[in-house]
Amino acid sequence: MNENGRAAYIVSQAVCAMARIAGMQAENAHRLSCGNGIAYGEDAFAAIESEHIIGHDAVVEFLRAGR
């Protein structure tokens, strides 16, 4: 994969993470509106970064690995 492909992959991972976070937020809002507790807490949101390779160090390492 060339440098542009690697950058595009990072962008796609960020988009996937944003979609997942939006779904998690919607589920939490729905559960709260029904009088229930949230389904996703702080740890679940924090885990998204490592699951999608979008943390600073992970991105730098991924981009450098292609050189």
PDB file of N, CA and C in Angstrom:
ATOM      1  N   MET A   1       0.864  -1.165   0.000  1.00  0.00           N
ATOM      2  CA  MET A   1       0.000   0.000   0.000  1.00  0.00           C
ATOM      3  C   MET A   1       0.913   1.232   0.000  1.00  0.00           C
ATOM      4  N   ASN A   2       0.628   2.185  -0.884  1.00  0.00           N
ATOM      5  CA  ASN A   2       1.447   3.390  -0.941  1.00  0.00           C
ATOM      6  C   ASN A   2       1.005   4.392   0.137  1.00  0.00           C
ATOM      7  N   GLU A   3       1.720   5.515   0.196  1.00  0.00           N
ATOM      8  CA  GLU A   3       1.463   6.517   1.233  1.00  0.00           C
ATOM      9  C   GLU A   3       0.031   7.053   1.175  1.00  0.00           C
ATOM     10  N   ASN A   4      -0.472   7.306  -0.034  1.00  0.00           N
ATOM     11  CA  ASN A   4      -1.854   7.795  -0.173  1.00  0.00           C
ATOM     12  C   ASN A   4      -2.858   6.743   0.283  1.00  0.00           C
ATOM     13  N   GLY A   5      -2.586   5.501  -0.028  1.00  0.00           N
ATOM     14  CA  GLY A   5      -3.468   4.422   0.407  1.00  0.00           C
ATOM     15  C   GLY A   5      -3.489   4.284   1.916  1.00  0.00           C
ATOM     16  N   ARG A   6      -2.324   4.429   2.537  1.00  0.00           N
ATOM     17  CA  ARG A   6      -2.249   4.348   3.989  1.00  0.00           C
ATOM     18  C   ARG A   6      -3.022   5.504   4.634  1.00  0.00           C
ATOM     19  N   ALA A   7      -2.881   6.697   4.066  1.00  0.00           N
ATOM     20  CA  ALA A   7      -3.615   7.850   4.593  1.00  0.00           C
ATOM     21  C   ALA A   7      -5.118   7.651   4.422  1.00  0.00           C
ATOM     22  N   ALA A   8      -5.527   7.134   3.280  1.00  0.00           N
ATOM     23  CA  ALA A   8      -6.954   6.874   3.046  1.00  0.00           C
ATOM     24  C   ALA A   8      -7.487   5.840   4.031  1.00  0.00           C
ATOM     25  N   TYR A   9      -6.668   4.855   4.348  1.00  0.00           N
ATOM     26  CA  TYR A   9      -7.083   3.835   5.318  1.00  0.00           C
ATOM     27  C   TYR A   9      -7.323   4.469   6.687  1.00  0.00           C
ATOM     28  N   ILE A  10      -6.437   5.360   7.100  1.00  0.00           N
ATOM     29  CA  ILE A  10      -6.610   6.042   8.386  1.00  0.00           C
ATOM     30  C   ILE A  10      -7.896   6.856   8.384  1.00  0.00           C
ATOM     31  N   VAL A  11      -8.159   7.569   7.301  1.00  0.00           N
ATOM     32  CA  VAL A  11      -9.396   8.354   7.203  1.00  0.00           C
ATOM     33  C   VAL A  11     -10.610   7.432   7.287  1.00  0.00           C
ATOM     34  N   SER A  12     -10.550   6.299   6.597  1.00  0.00           N
ATOM     35  CA  SER A  12     -11.689   5.370   6.633  1.00  0.00           C
ATOM     36  C   SER A  12     -11.899   4.817   8.036  1.00  0.00           C
ATOM     37  N   GLN A  13     -10.823   4.573   8.759  1.00  0.00           N
ATOM     38  CA  GLN A  13     -10.943   4.090  10.133  1.00  0.00           C
ATOM     39  C   GLN A  13     -11.565   5.155  11.031  1.00  0.00           C
ATOM     40  N   ALA A  14     -11.207   6.421  10.796  1.00  0.00           N
ATOM     41  CA  ALA A  14     -11.793   7.511  11.571  1.00  0.00           C
ATOM     42  C   ALA A  14     -13.287   7.626  11.299  1.00  0.00           C
ATOM     43  N   VAL A  15     -13.680   7.465  10.046  1.00  0.00           N
ATOM     44  CA  VAL A  15     -15.103   7.522   9.686  1.00  0.00           C
ATOM     45  C   VAL A  15     -15.865   6.362  10.333  1.00  0.00           C
ATOM     46  N   CYS A  16     -15.288   5.189  10.305  1.00  0.00           N
ATOM     47  CA  CYS A  16     -15.920   4.030  10.953  1.00  0.00           C
ATOM     48  C   CYS A  16     -16.072   4.272  12.454  1.00  0.00           C
ATOM     49  N   ALA A  17     -15.046   4.825  13.061  1.00  0.00           N
ATOM     50  CA  ALA A  17     -15.108   5.112  14.493  1.00  0.00           C
ATOM     51  C   ALA A  17     -16.201   6.139  14.797  1.00  0.00           C
ATOM     52  N   MET A  18     -16.304   7.171  13.972  1.00  0.00           N
ATOM     53  CA  MET A  18     -17.331   8.190  14.184  1.00  0.00           C
ATOM     54  C   MET A  18     -18.732   7.591  14.048  1.00  0.00           C
ATOM     55  N   ALA A  19     -18.914   6.701  13.079  1.00  0.00           N
ATOM     56  CA  ALA A  19     -20.220   6.056  12.908  1.00  0.00           C
ATOM     57  C   ALA A  19     -20.551   5.185  14.116  1.00  0.00           C
ATOM     58  N   ARG A  20     -19.557   4.471  14.598  1.00  0.00           N
ATOM     59  CA  ARG A  20     -19.787   3.615  15.764  1.00  0.00           C
ATOM     60  C   ARG A  20     -20.119   4.454  16.995  1.00  0.00           C
ATOM     61  N   ILE A  21     -19.392   5.553  17.183  1.00  0.00           N
ATOM     62  CA  ILE A  21     -19.658   6.440  18.315  1.00  0.00           C
ATOM     63  C   ILE A  21     -21.052   7.032  18.218  1.00  0.00           C
ATOM     64  N   ALA A  22     -21.467   7.433  17.027  1.00  0.00           N
ATOM     65  CA  ALA A  22     -22.813   7.988  16.845  1.00  0.00           C
ATOM     66  C   ALA A  22     -23.872   6.957  17.225  1.00  0.00           C
ATOM     67  N   GLY A  23     -23.645   5.715  16.845  1.00  0.00           N
ATOM     68  CA  GLY A  23     -24.583   4.650  17.213  1.00  0.00           C
ATOM     69  C   GLY A  23     -24.621   4.413  18.707  1.00  0.00           C
ATOM     70  N   MET A  24     -23.461   4.462  19.330  1.00  0.00           N
ATOM     71  CA  MET A  24     -23.390   4.273  20.783  1.00  0.00           C
ATOM     72  C   MET A  24     -24.100   5.415  21.509  1.00  0.00           C
ATOM     73  N   GLN A  25     -23.903   6.645  21.028  1.00  0.00           N
ATOM     74  CA  GLN A  25     -24.578   7.790  21.625  1.00  0.00           C
ATOM     75  C   GLN A  25     -26.092   7.682  21.471  1.00  0.00           C
ATOM     76  N   ALA A  26     -26.519   7.253  20.283  1.00  0.00           N
ATOM     77  CA  ALA A  26     -27.958   7.105  20.039  1.00  0.00           C
ATOM     78  C   ALA A  26     -28.557   6.042  20.954  1.00  0.00           C
ATOM     79  N   GLU A  27     -27.848   4.934  21.108  1.00  0.00           N
ATOM     80  CA  GLU A  27     -28.335   3.871  22.004  1.00  0.00           C
ATOM     81  C   GLU A  27     -28.423   4.371  23.437  1.00  0.00           C
ATOM     82  N   ASN A  28     -27.412   5.091  23.878  1.00  0.00           N
ATOM     83  CA  ASN A  28     -27.457   5.640  25.239  1.00  0.00           C
ATOM     84  C   ASN A  28     -28.625   6.607  25.400  1.00  0.00           C
ATOM     85  N   ALA A  29     -28.839   7.473  24.422  1.00  0.00           N
ATOM     86  CA  ALA A  29     -29.953   8.435  24.492  1.00  0.00           C
ATOM     87  C   ALA A  29     -31.294   7.710  24.526  1.00  0.00           C
ATOM     88  N   HIS A  30     -31.421   6.681  23.706  1.00  0.00           N
ATOM     89  CA  HIS A  30     -32.668   5.912  23.683  1.00  0.00           C
ATOM     90  C   HIS A  30     -32.918   5.242  25.026  1.00  0.00           C
ATOM     91  N   ARG A  31     -31.904   4.610  25.558  1.00  0.00           N
ATOM     92  CA  ARG A  31     -32.063   3.925  26.850  1.00  0.00           C
ATOM     93  C   ARG A  31     -32.427   4.918  27.953  1.00  0.00           C
ATOM     94  N   LEU A  32     -31.797   6.095  27.946  1.00  0.00           N
ATOM     95  CA  LEU A  32     -32.120   7.092  28.964  1.00  0.00           C
ATOM     96  C   LEU A  32     -33.551   7.591  28.814  1.00  0.00           C
ATOM     97  N   SER A  33     -34.004   7.758  27.564  1.00  0.00           N
ATOM     98  CA  SER A  33     -35.374   8.233  27.349  1.00  0.00           C
ATOM     99  C   SER A  33     -36.414   7.206  27.790  1.00  0.00           C
ATOM    100  N   CYS A  34     -35.984   5.949  27.849  1.00  0.00           N
ATOM    101  CA  CYS A  34     -36.883   4.880  28.314  1.00  0.00           C
ATOM    102  C   CYS A  34     -36.745   4.647  29.825  1.00  0.00           C
ATOM    103  N   GLY A  35     -35.917   5.446  30.465  1.00  0.00           N
ATOM    104  CA  GLY A  35     -35.749   5.320  31.908  1.00  0.00           C
ATOM    105  C   GLY A  35     -34.729   4.277  32.326  1.00  0.00           C
ATOM    106  N   ASN A  36     -33.933   3.804  31.393  1.00  0.00           N
ATOM    107  CA  ASN A  36     -32.913   2.795  31.699  1.00  0.00           C
ATOM    108  C   ASN A  36     -31.546   3.455  31.810  1.00  0.00           C
ATOM    109  N   GLY A  37     -30.579   2.678  32.256  1.00  0.00           N
ATOM    110  CA  GLY A  37     -29.208   3.155  32.314  1.00  0.00           C
ATOM    111  C   GLY A  37     -28.564   3.075  30.937  1.00  0.00           C
ATOM    112  N   ILE A  38     -27.421   3.719  30.827  1.00  0.00           N
ATOM    113  CA  ILE A  38     -26.721   3.724  29.541  1.00  0.00           C
ATOM    114  C   ILE A  38     -26.117   2.355  29.238  1.00  0.00           C
ATOM    115  N   ALA A  39     -25.961   2.071  27.960  1.00  0.00           N
ATOM    116  CA  ALA A  39     -25.360   0.813  27.515  1.00  0.00           C
ATOM    117  C   ALA A  39     -23.849   0.953  27.373  1.00  0.00           C
ATOM    118  N   TYR A  40     -23.390   2.157  27.044  1.00  0.00           N
ATOM    119  CA  TYR A  40     -21.969   2.391  26.775  1.00  0.00           C
ATOM    120  C   TYR A  40     -21.437   3.472  27.704  1.00  0.00           C
ATOM    121  N   GLY A  41     -20.454   3.110  28.489  1.00  0.00           N
ATOM    122  CA  GLY A  41     -19.823   4.057  29.394  1.00  0.00           C
ATOM    123  C   GLY A  41     -18.536   4.617  28.805  1.00  0.00           C
ATOM    124  N   GLU A  42     -17.821   5.344  29.629  1.00  0.00           N
ATOM    125  CA  GLU A  42     -16.591   6.008  29.201  1.00  0.00           C
ATOM    126  C   GLU A  42     -15.565   5.025  28.641  1.00  0.00           C
ATOM    127  N   ASP A  43     -15.437   3.857  29.262  1.00  0.00           N
ATOM    128  CA  ASP A  43     -14.451   2.873  28.792  1.00  0.00           C
ATOM    129  C   ASP A  43     -14.762   2.380  27.380  1.00  0.00           C
ATOM    130  N   ALA A  44     -16.043   2.208  27.080  1.00  0.00           N
ATOM    131  CA  ALA A  44     -16.431   1.745  25.740  1.00  0.00           C
ATOM    132  C   ALA A  44     -16.062   2.776  24.688  1.00  0.00           C
ATOM    133  N   PHE A  45     -16.254   4.052  25.009  1.00  0.00           N
ATOM    134  CA  PHE A  45     -15.905   5.109  24.061  1.00  0.00           C
ATOM    135  C   PHE A  45     -14.387   5.218  23.912  1.00  0.00           C
ATOM    136  N   ALA A  46     -13.665   5.077  25.009  1.00  0.00           N
ATOM    137  CA  ALA A  46     -12.202   5.165  24.968  1.00  0.00           C
ATOM    138  C   ALA A  46     -11.602   4.021  24.159  1.00  0.00           C
ATOM    139  N   ALA A  47     -12.234   2.862  24.166  1.00  0.00           N
ATOM    140  CA  ALA A  47     -11.720   1.689  23.451  1.00  0.00           C
ATOM    141  C   ALA A  47     -11.770   1.858  21.936  1.00  0.00           C
ATOM    142  N   ILE A  48     -12.625   2.730  21.454  1.00  0.00           N
ATOM    143  CA  ILE A  48     -12.773   2.947  20.008  1.00  0.00           C
ATOM    144  C   ILE A  48     -11.437   3.348  19.380  1.00  0.00           C
ATOM    145  N   GLU A  49     -10.670   4.171  20.073  1.00  0.00           N
ATOM    146  CA  GLU A  49      -9.398   4.661  19.537  1.00  0.00           C
ATOM    147  C   GLU A  49      -8.462   3.518  19.164  1.00  0.00           C
ATOM    148  N   SER A  50      -8.307   2.562  20.059  1.00  0.00           N
ATOM    149  CA  SER A  50      -7.385   1.458  19.773  1.00  0.00           C
ATOM    150  C   SER A  50      -7.980   0.451  18.792  1.00  0.00           C
ATOM    151  N   GLU A  51      -9.283   0.281  18.817  1.00  0.00           N
ATOM    152  CA  GLU A  51      -9.929  -0.669  17.906  1.00  0.00           C
ATOM    153  C   GLU A  51      -9.845  -0.227  16.455  1.00  0.00           C
ATOM    154  N   HIS A  52      -9.765   1.070  16.229  1.00  0.00           N
ATOM    155  CA  HIS A  52      -9.777   1.596  14.862  1.00  0.00           C
ATOM    156  C   HIS A  52      -8.465   2.252  14.435  1.00  0.00           C
ATOM    157  N   ILE A  53      -7.414   2.059  15.215  1.00  0.00           N
ATOM    158  CA  ILE A  53      -6.086   2.586  14.870  1.00  0.00           C
ATOM    159  C   ILE A  53      -6.139   4.089  14.578  1.00  0.00           C
ATOM    160  N   ILE A  54      -6.779   4.849  15.477  1.00  0.00           N
ATOM    161  CA  ILE A  54      -6.875   6.286  15.232  1.00  0.00           C
ATOM    162  C   ILE A  54      -6.211   7.117  16.315  1.00  0.00           C
ATOM    163  N   GLY A  55      -5.551   6.476  17.265  1.00  0.00           N
ATOM    164  CA  GLY A  55      -4.792   7.224  18.256  1.00  0.00           C
ATOM    165  C   GLY A  55      -3.530   7.789  17.612  1.00  0.00           C
ATOM    166  N   HIS A  56      -3.008   8.852  18.152  1.00  0.00           N
ATOM    167  CA  HIS A  56      -1.847   9.525  17.567  1.00  0.00           C
ATOM    168  C   HIS A  56      -0.690   8.570  17.330  1.00  0.00           C
ATOM    169  N   ASP A  57      -0.263   7.873  18.360  1.00  0.00           N
ATOM    170  CA  ASP A  57       0.895   6.979  18.232  1.00  0.00           C
ATOM    171  C   ASP A  57       0.648   5.862  17.222  1.00  0.00           C
ATOM    172  N   ALA A  58      -0.556   5.309  17.231  1.00  0.00           N
ATOM    173  CA  ALA A  58      -0.885   4.224  16.306  1.00  0.00           C
ATOM    174  C   ALA A  58      -0.857   4.720  14.857  1.00  0.00           C
ATOM    175  N   VAL A  59      -1.362   5.908  14.623  1.00  0.00           N
ATOM    176  CA  VAL A  59      -1.377   6.459  13.271  1.00  0.00           C
ATOM    177  C   VAL A  59       0.050   6.746  12.800  1.00  0.00           C
ATOM    178  N   VAL A  60       0.849   7.361  13.658  1.00  0.00           N
ATOM    179  CA  VAL A  60       2.243   7.655  13.276  1.00  0.00           C
ATOM    180  C   VAL A  60       2.981   6.361  12.967  1.00  0.00           C
ATOM    181  N   GLU A  61       2.821   5.360  13.812  1.00  0.00           N
ATOM    182  CA  GLU A  61       3.480   4.067  13.571  1.00  0.00           C
ATOM    183  C   GLU A  61       3.009   3.428  12.272  1.00  0.00           C
ATOM    184  N   PHE A  62       1.709   3.473  12.013  1.00  0.00           N
ATOM    185  CA  PHE A  62       1.145   2.893  10.787  1.00  0.00           C
ATOM    186  C   PHE A  62       1.693   3.586   9.549  1.00  0.00           C
ATOM    187  N   LEU A  63       1.760   4.909   9.587  1.00  0.00           N
ATOM    188  CA  LEU A  63       2.244   5.655   8.435  1.00  0.00           C
ATOM    189  C   LEU A  63       3.750   5.449   8.224  1.00  0.00           C
ATOM    190  N   ARG A  64       4.498   5.355   9.297  1.00  0.00           N
ATOM    191  CA  ARG A  64       5.946   5.125   9.186  1.00  0.00           C
ATOM    192  C   ARG A  64       6.265   3.730   8.712  1.00  0.00           C
ATOM    193  N   ALA A  65       5.444   2.775   9.026  1.00  0.00           N
ATOM    194  CA  ALA A  65       5.694   1.381   8.650  1.00  0.00           C
ATOM    195  C   ALA A  65       5.704   1.204   7.121  1.00  0.00           C
ATOM    196  N   GLY A  66       5.048   2.089   6.417  1.00  0.00           N
ATOM    197  CA  GLY A  66       4.967   1.994   4.971  1.00  0.00           C
ATOM    198  C   GLY A  66       6.165   2.574   4.240  1.00  0.00           C
ATOM    199  N   ARG A  67       7.101   3.118   4.966  1.00  0.00           N
ATOM    200  CA  ARG A  67       8.255   3.750   4.316  1.00  0.00           C
ATOM    201  C   ARG A  67       9.379   2.799   4.116  1.00  0.00           C
TER     202      ARG A  67
END
